[in-house]
């Protein structure tokens, strides 16, 4: 899961499927992580607002720490899911030849909501963090269905 700073959207998009995977008893088969396209917050925990809104829905983001996306992520993970146009452009610049099919938008997997991106809630209020959770939950449910169909 990839956003710009790895403190709001991608930690949320990390925590949601991590719980889904654990609840499905698949933690030994599916690994979820998150990263940022920029290194602004490396080593920092997720934004307190993101943590609070996620916790209200049963997701614990507290153990996560921001890191920067690397080329190796494209070989370590089946999917590298970005949140928006800017993240996609930056991730494509890192993507090794032959791994382009692993780079997708999380919103490609949404089935209930019509969303082209997961909007950045950082400069907004509570409604933005709730909307991020709505889009992320929808997209992650779709990712889980995709993963199960692949297996």
C-alpha atoms as a PDB file:
ATOM      1  CA  UNK A   1       0.000   0.000   0.000  1.00  0.00           C
ATOM      2  CA  UNK A   2       1.581   3.259  -1.135  1.00  0.00           C
ATOM      3  CA  UNK A   3       0.799   6.928  -0.530  1.00  0.00           C
ATOM      4  CA  UNK A   4       3.062   9.968  -0.358  1.00  0.00           C
ATOM      5  CA  UNK A   5       4.286  10.105   3.247  1.00  0.00           C
ATOM      6  CA  UNK A   6       3.119   6.750   4.628  1.00  0.00           C
ATOM      7  CA  UNK A   7       1.335   8.326   7.597  1.00  0.00           C
ATOM      8  CA  UNK A   8      -2.369   8.549   6.632  1.00  0.00           C
ATOM      9  CA  UNK A   9      -3.720   6.651   3.635  1.00  0.00           C
ATOM     10  CA  UNK A  10      -1.263   3.804   3.213  1.00  0.00           C
ATOM     11  CA  UNK A  11      -1.126   2.936   6.933  1.00  0.00           C
ATOM     12  CA  UNK A  12      -4.919   2.790   6.855  1.00  0.00           C
ATOM     13  CA  UNK A  13      -4.743   0.647   3.720  1.00  0.00           C
ATOM     14  CA  UNK A  14      -2.192  -1.526   5.544  1.00  0.00           C
ATOM     15  CA  UNK A  15      -4.234  -1.950   8.710  1.00  0.00           C
ATOM     16  CA  UNK A  16      -7.548  -2.776   7.032  1.00  0.00           C
ATOM     17  CA  UNK A  17      -6.415  -5.837   5.040  1.00  0.00           C
ATOM     18  CA  UNK A  18      -4.064  -6.893   7.826  1.00  0.00           C
ATOM     19  CA  UNK A  19      -7.147  -7.371  10.024  1.00  0.00           C
ATOM     20  CA  UNK A  20      -9.085  -8.995   7.173  1.00  0.00           C
ATOM     21  CA  UNK A  21      -6.219 -11.435   6.610  1.00  0.00           C
ATOM     22  CA  UNK A  22      -5.966 -12.256  10.326  1.00  0.00           C
ATOM     23  CA  UNK A  23      -9.741 -12.673  10.663  1.00  0.00           C
ATOM     24  CA  UNK A  24      -9.714 -15.062   7.671  1.00  0.00           C
ATOM     25  CA  UNK A  25      -6.908 -17.127   9.235  1.00  0.00           C
ATOM     26  CA  UNK A  26      -4.535 -16.270   6.377  1.00  0.00           C
ATOM     27  CA  UNK A  27      -1.814 -14.372   8.252  1.00  0.00           C
ATOM     28  CA  UNK A  28       0.669 -17.141   7.487  1.00  0.00           C
ATOM     29  CA  UNK A  29      -0.021 -16.804   3.727  1.00  0.00           C
ATOM     30  CA  UNK A  30      -0.591 -13.090   3.082  1.00  0.00           C
ATOM     31  CA  UNK A  31       1.812 -10.318   4.051  1.00  0.00           C
ATOM     32  CA  UNK A  32       0.655  -6.700   4.020  1.00  0.00           C
ATOM     33  CA  UNK A  33       2.905  -3.644   4.270  1.00  0.00           C
ATOM     34  CA  UNK A  34       2.871   0.036   3.396  1.00  0.00           C
ATOM     35  CA  UNK A  35       5.310   2.662   2.199  1.00  0.00           C
ATOM     36  CA  UNK A  36       5.511   6.231   0.974  1.00  0.00           C
ATOM     37  CA  UNK A  37       6.843   7.592  -2.270  1.00  0.00           C
ATOM     38  CA  UNK A  38       8.610  10.314  -0.283  1.00  0.00           C
ATOM     39  CA  UNK A  39      10.748   9.913   2.818  1.00  0.00           C
ATOM     40  CA  UNK A  40       9.273  12.810   4.789  1.00  0.00           C
ATOM     41  CA  UNK A  41       8.187  10.719   7.783  1.00  0.00           C
ATOM     42  CA  UNK A  42      10.446   7.648   7.793  1.00  0.00           C
ATOM     43  CA  UNK A  43      10.323   5.954  11.185  1.00  0.00           C
ATOM     44  CA  UNK A  44       7.272   7.869  12.400  1.00  0.00           C
ATOM     45  CA  UNK A  45       3.979   6.256  13.454  1.00  0.00           C
ATOM     46  CA  UNK A  46       0.792   6.903  11.493  1.00  0.00           C
ATOM     47  CA  UNK A  47      -0.969  10.233  11.941  1.00  0.00           C
ATOM     48  CA  UNK A  48      -2.916  10.285  15.231  1.00  0.00           C
ATOM     49  CA  UNK A  49      -6.141  11.141  13.405  1.00  0.00           C
ATOM     50  CA  UNK A  50      -5.733   8.186  11.047  1.00  0.00           C
ATOM     51  CA  UNK A  51      -5.088   5.928  14.036  1.00  0.00           C
ATOM     52  CA  UNK A  52      -8.119   7.219  15.937  1.00  0.00           C
ATOM     53  CA  UNK A  53     -10.547   6.834  13.045  1.00  0.00           C
ATOM     54  CA  UNK A  54      -9.185   3.385  12.189  1.00  0.00           C
ATOM     55  CA  UNK A  55      -9.431   2.272  15.835  1.00  0.00           C
ATOM     56  CA  UNK A  56     -13.128   3.200  15.893  1.00  0.00           C
ATOM     57  CA  UNK A  57     -13.619   0.616  13.144  1.00  0.00           C
ATOM     58  CA  UNK A  58     -11.459  -2.007  14.827  1.00  0.00           C
ATOM     59  CA  UNK A  59      -8.137  -1.464  13.020  1.00  0.00           C
ATOM     60  CA  UNK A  60      -4.925  -1.028  14.993  1.00  0.00           C
ATOM     61  CA  UNK A  61      -2.287   1.037  13.162  1.00  0.00           C
ATOM     62  CA  UNK A  62      -0.130   1.768  16.216  1.00  0.00           C
ATOM     63  CA  UNK A  63       2.730  -0.668  15.471  1.00  0.00           C
ATOM     64  CA  UNK A  64       3.340   0.678  11.964  1.00  0.00           C
ATOM     65  CA  UNK A  65       6.240   2.979  11.129  1.00  0.00           C
ATOM     66  CA  UNK A  66       6.638   4.966   7.936  1.00  0.00           C
ATOM     67  CA  UNK A  67       9.144   3.817   5.351  1.00  0.00           C
ATOM     68  CA  UNK A  68       9.960   4.731   1.777  1.00  0.00           C
ATOM     69  CA  UNK A  69       8.974   2.617  -1.225  1.00  0.00           C
ATOM     70  CA  UNK A  70      11.890   0.742  -2.802  1.00  0.00           C
ATOM     71  CA  UNK A  71      12.497  -1.123  -6.065  1.00  0.00           C
ATOM     72  CA  UNK A  72      12.634  -4.335  -4.066  1.00  0.00           C
ATOM     73  CA  UNK A  73       8.977  -3.927  -3.067  1.00  0.00           C
ATOM     74  CA  UNK A  74       8.079  -4.827  -6.647  1.00  0.00           C
ATOM     75  CA  UNK A  75       9.673  -8.254  -6.275  1.00  0.00           C
ATOM     76  CA  UNK A  76       8.703  -8.804  -2.628  1.00  0.00           C
ATOM     77  CA  UNK A  77       4.965  -8.246  -3.160  1.00  0.00           C
ATOM     78  CA  UNK A  78       2.401  -9.565  -5.640  1.00  0.00           C
ATOM     79  CA  UNK A  79       0.718  -6.167  -5.689  1.00  0.00           C
ATOM     80  CA  UNK A  80       1.950  -2.633  -5.093  1.00  0.00           C
ATOM     81  CA  UNK A  81      -1.224  -0.625  -4.638  1.00  0.00           C
ATOM     82  CA  UNK A  82      -1.089   3.158  -4.909  1.00  0.00           C
ATOM     83  CA  UNK A  83      -3.591   5.709  -3.662  1.00  0.00           C
ATOM     84  CA  UNK A  84      -3.585   8.385  -6.408  1.00  0.00           C
ATOM     85  CA  UNK A  85      -2.079   9.761  -9.639  1.00  0.00           C
ATOM     86  CA  UNK A  86       0.976  11.280  -7.955  1.00  0.00           C
ATOM     87  CA  UNK A  87       1.794   8.062  -6.094  1.00  0.00           C
ATOM     88  CA  UNK A  88       1.326   6.057  -9.269  1.00  0.00           C
ATOM     89  CA  UNK A  89       3.692   8.294 -11.228  1.00  0.00           C
ATOM     90  CA  UNK A  90       6.373   8.134  -8.507  1.00  0.00           C
ATOM     91  CA  UNK A  91       5.993   4.353  -8.095  1.00  0.00           C
ATOM     92  CA  UNK A  92       6.224   3.788 -11.867  1.00  0.00           C
ATOM     93  CA  UNK A  93       9.566   5.609 -11.844  1.00  0.00           C
ATOM     94  CA  UNK A  94      10.871   2.989  -9.370  1.00  0.00           C
ATOM     95  CA  UNK A  95       9.185  -0.023 -10.947  1.00  0.00           C
ATOM     96  CA  UNK A  96      11.692  -2.429 -12.542  1.00  0.00           C
ATOM     97  CA  UNK A  97      10.994  -3.609 -16.099  1.00  0.00           C
ATOM     98  CA  UNK A  98       8.788  -6.676 -16.070  1.00  0.00           C
ATOM     99  CA  UNK A  99       7.037  -5.773 -12.816  1.00  0.00           C
ATOM    100  CA  UNK A 100       4.568  -3.230 -14.218  1.00  0.00           C
ATOM    101  CA  UNK A 101       1.655  -5.653 -13.821  1.00  0.00           C
ATOM    102  CA  UNK A 102       2.155  -5.586 -10.037  1.00  0.00           C
ATOM    103  CA  UNK A 103       1.513  -1.836  -9.849  1.00  0.00           C
ATOM    104  CA  UNK A 104      -2.175  -0.987  -9.537  1.00  0.00           C
ATOM    105  CA  UNK A 105      -4.449   1.474  -7.801  1.00  0.00           C
ATOM    106  CA  UNK A 106      -6.252   0.277  -4.720  1.00  0.00           C
ATOM    107  CA  UNK A 107      -9.412   1.785  -6.188  1.00  0.00           C
ATOM    108  CA  UNK A 108      -9.173  -0.637  -9.150  1.00  0.00           C
ATOM    109  CA  UNK A 109     -10.568  -3.192  -6.704  1.00  0.00           C
ATOM    110  CA  UNK A 110     -13.504  -1.118  -5.403  1.00  0.00           C
ATOM    111  CA  UNK A 111     -16.927  -2.614  -6.111  1.00  0.00           C
ATOM    112  CA  UNK A 112     -19.354  -0.462  -4.110  1.00  0.00           C
ATOM    113  CA  UNK A 113     -17.884   3.014  -4.449  1.00  0.00           C
ATOM    114  CA  UNK A 114     -17.007   4.867  -7.632  1.00  0.00           C
ATOM    115  CA  UNK A 115     -13.526   6.115  -6.778  1.00  0.00           C
ATOM    116  CA  UNK A 116     -10.515   6.894  -8.948  1.00  0.00           C
ATOM    117  CA  UNK A 117      -8.257   7.607  -5.977  1.00  0.00           C
ATOM    118  CA  UNK A 118      -8.034   7.460  -2.218  1.00  0.00           C
ATOM    119  CA  UNK A 119      -7.999  11.190  -1.394  1.00  0.00           C
ATOM    120  CA  UNK A 120      -5.411  12.582   0.994  1.00  0.00           C
ATOM    121  CA  UNK A 121      -7.154  13.547   4.280  1.00  0.00           C
ATOM    122  CA  UNK A 122      -4.074  15.160   5.853  1.00  0.00           C
ATOM    123  CA  UNK A 123      -5.176  18.815   5.540  1.00  0.00           C
ATOM    124  CA  UNK A 124      -8.856  18.153   6.134  1.00  0.00           C
ATOM    125  CA  UNK A 125     -11.143  17.139   8.938  1.00  0.00           C
ATOM    126  CA  UNK A 126     -12.733  14.014  10.333  1.00  0.00           C
ATOM    127  CA  UNK A 127     -14.951  13.444   7.291  1.00  0.00           C
ATOM    128  CA  UNK A 128     -11.854  12.987   5.124  1.00  0.00           C
ATOM    129  CA  UNK A 129     -10.466  10.231   7.340  1.00  0.00           C
ATOM    130  CA  UNK A 130     -13.848   8.495   7.383  1.00  0.00           C
ATOM    131  CA  UNK A 131     -14.098   8.698   3.593  1.00  0.00           C
ATOM    132  CA  UNK A 132     -10.590   7.216   3.286  1.00  0.00           C
ATOM    133  CA  UNK A 133     -11.700   4.300   5.438  1.00  0.00           C
ATOM    134  CA  UNK A 134     -14.814   3.782   3.297  1.00  0.00           C
ATOM    135  CA  UNK A 135     -12.787   3.662   0.072  1.00  0.00           C
ATOM    136  CA  UNK A 136     -10.000   1.560   1.605  1.00  0.00           C
ATOM    137  CA  UNK A 137     -12.435  -0.996   3.036  1.00  0.00           C
ATOM    138  CA  UNK A 138     -14.152  -1.340  -0.333  1.00  0.00           C
ATOM    139  CA  UNK A 139     -10.864  -1.673  -2.213  1.00  0.00           C
ATOM    140  CA  UNK A 140      -9.395  -4.126   0.285  1.00  0.00           C
ATOM    141  CA  UNK A 141     -12.462  -6.347   0.148  1.00  0.00           C
ATOM    142  CA  UNK A 142     -11.940  -6.454  -3.608  1.00  0.00           C
ATOM    143  CA  UNK A 143      -8.242  -7.251  -3.180  1.00  0.00           C
ATOM    144  CA  UNK A 144      -9.120 -10.135  -0.868  1.00  0.00           C
ATOM    145  CA  UNK A 145     -11.575 -11.508  -3.445  1.00  0.00           C
ATOM    146  CA  UNK A 146      -8.892 -11.120  -6.157  1.00  0.00           C
ATOM    147  CA  UNK A 147      -6.308 -12.903  -4.010  1.00  0.00           C
ATOM    148  CA  UNK A 148      -8.655 -15.784  -3.213  1.00  0.00           C
ATOM    149  CA  UNK A 149      -9.521 -16.170  -6.927  1.00  0.00           C
ATOM    150  CA  UNK A 150      -5.794 -16.342  -7.757  1.00  0.00           C
ATOM    151  CA  UNK A 151      -5.362 -19.221  -5.351  1.00  0.00           C
END
